[in-house]
Amino acid sequence: MNSGETPKRTKLFISKATPGDDQFALWIAPRLEAAGYEVFADILELDRPQPNIST
């Protein structure tokens, strides 16, 4: 790589701030992957907490 070249970046991290951002994150992530990016989105990758229900 020459000193004047910018390195190619192919990894993206998407972190949504509120539940209102869910639909946008779910919409954009597969489109970015289809364009060749490696996408990590918290809504897609992290387990959601389950409510604690006692019986």
Protein backbone atom coordinates (compact mmCIF):
# COMPACT_ATOMS: atom_id res chain seq x y z
CA MET A 1 0.00 0.00 0.00
CA ASN A 2 1.35 3.40 -0.91
CA SER A 3 1.37 6.06 1.76
CA GLY A 4 -1.26 8.04 -0.20
CA GLU A 5 -3.75 5.17 -0.42
CA THR A 6 -6.68 4.83 1.94
CA PRO A 7 -7.15 1.27 3.21
CA LYS A 8 -10.31 -0.47 2.02
CA ARG A 9 -12.81 -0.80 4.83
CA THR A 10 -15.37 -3.58 4.62
CA LYS A 11 -16.61 -4.05 8.19
CA LEU A 12 -19.51 -2.09 9.65
CA PHE A 13 -20.97 -1.96 13.13
CA ILE A 14 -24.60 -0.89 13.52
CA SER A 15 -25.81 -0.06 17.00
CA LYS A 16 -29.33 1.21 17.39
CA ALA A 17 -30.23 3.60 20.15
CA THR A 18 -33.94 2.97 20.59
CA PRO A 19 -36.54 0.37 19.60
CA GLY A 20 -37.71 2.90 17.02
CA ASP A 21 -34.44 2.27 15.15
CA ASP A 22 -35.05 -1.49 14.82
CA GLN A 23 -36.75 -1.36 11.45
CA PHE A 24 -34.01 0.77 9.88
CA ALA A 25 -31.27 -1.52 11.20
CA LEU A 26 -33.15 -4.59 9.93
CA TRP A 27 -33.62 -2.88 6.55
CA ILE A 28 -30.07 -1.59 6.01
CA ALA A 29 -28.02 -4.56 7.31
CA PRO A 30 -28.87 -7.07 4.56
CA ARG A 31 -28.42 -4.41 1.90
CA LEU A 32 -24.94 -3.62 3.15
CA GLU A 33 -24.11 -7.34 3.25
CA ALA A 34 -25.34 -7.71 -0.33
CA ALA A 35 -23.03 -4.85 -1.28
CA GLY A 36 -20.07 -6.81 0.11
CA TYR A 37 -19.74 -5.43 3.62
CA GLU A 38 -19.36 -7.54 6.75
CA VAL A 39 -22.04 -6.20 9.09
CA PHE A 40 -22.37 -6.61 12.83
CA ALA A 41 -25.65 -5.26 14.15
CA ASP A 42 -26.54 -5.64 17.79
CA ILE A 43 -30.17 -6.36 16.91
CA LEU A 44 -29.10 -9.24 14.68
CA GLU A 45 -26.23 -10.71 16.70
CA LEU A 46 -26.95 -10.30 20.40
CA ASP A 47 -29.44 -12.38 22.32
CA ARG A 48 -32.37 -10.44 23.62
CA PRO A 49 -33.00 -10.79 27.34
CA GLN A 50 -35.95 -12.99 28.18
CA PRO A 51 -38.43 -11.79 30.77
CA ASN A 52 -38.08 -13.50 34.14
CA ILE A 53 -41.37 -15.34 34.55
CA SER A 54 -41.86 -17.35 37.73
CA THR A 55 -44.49 -20.02 37.89
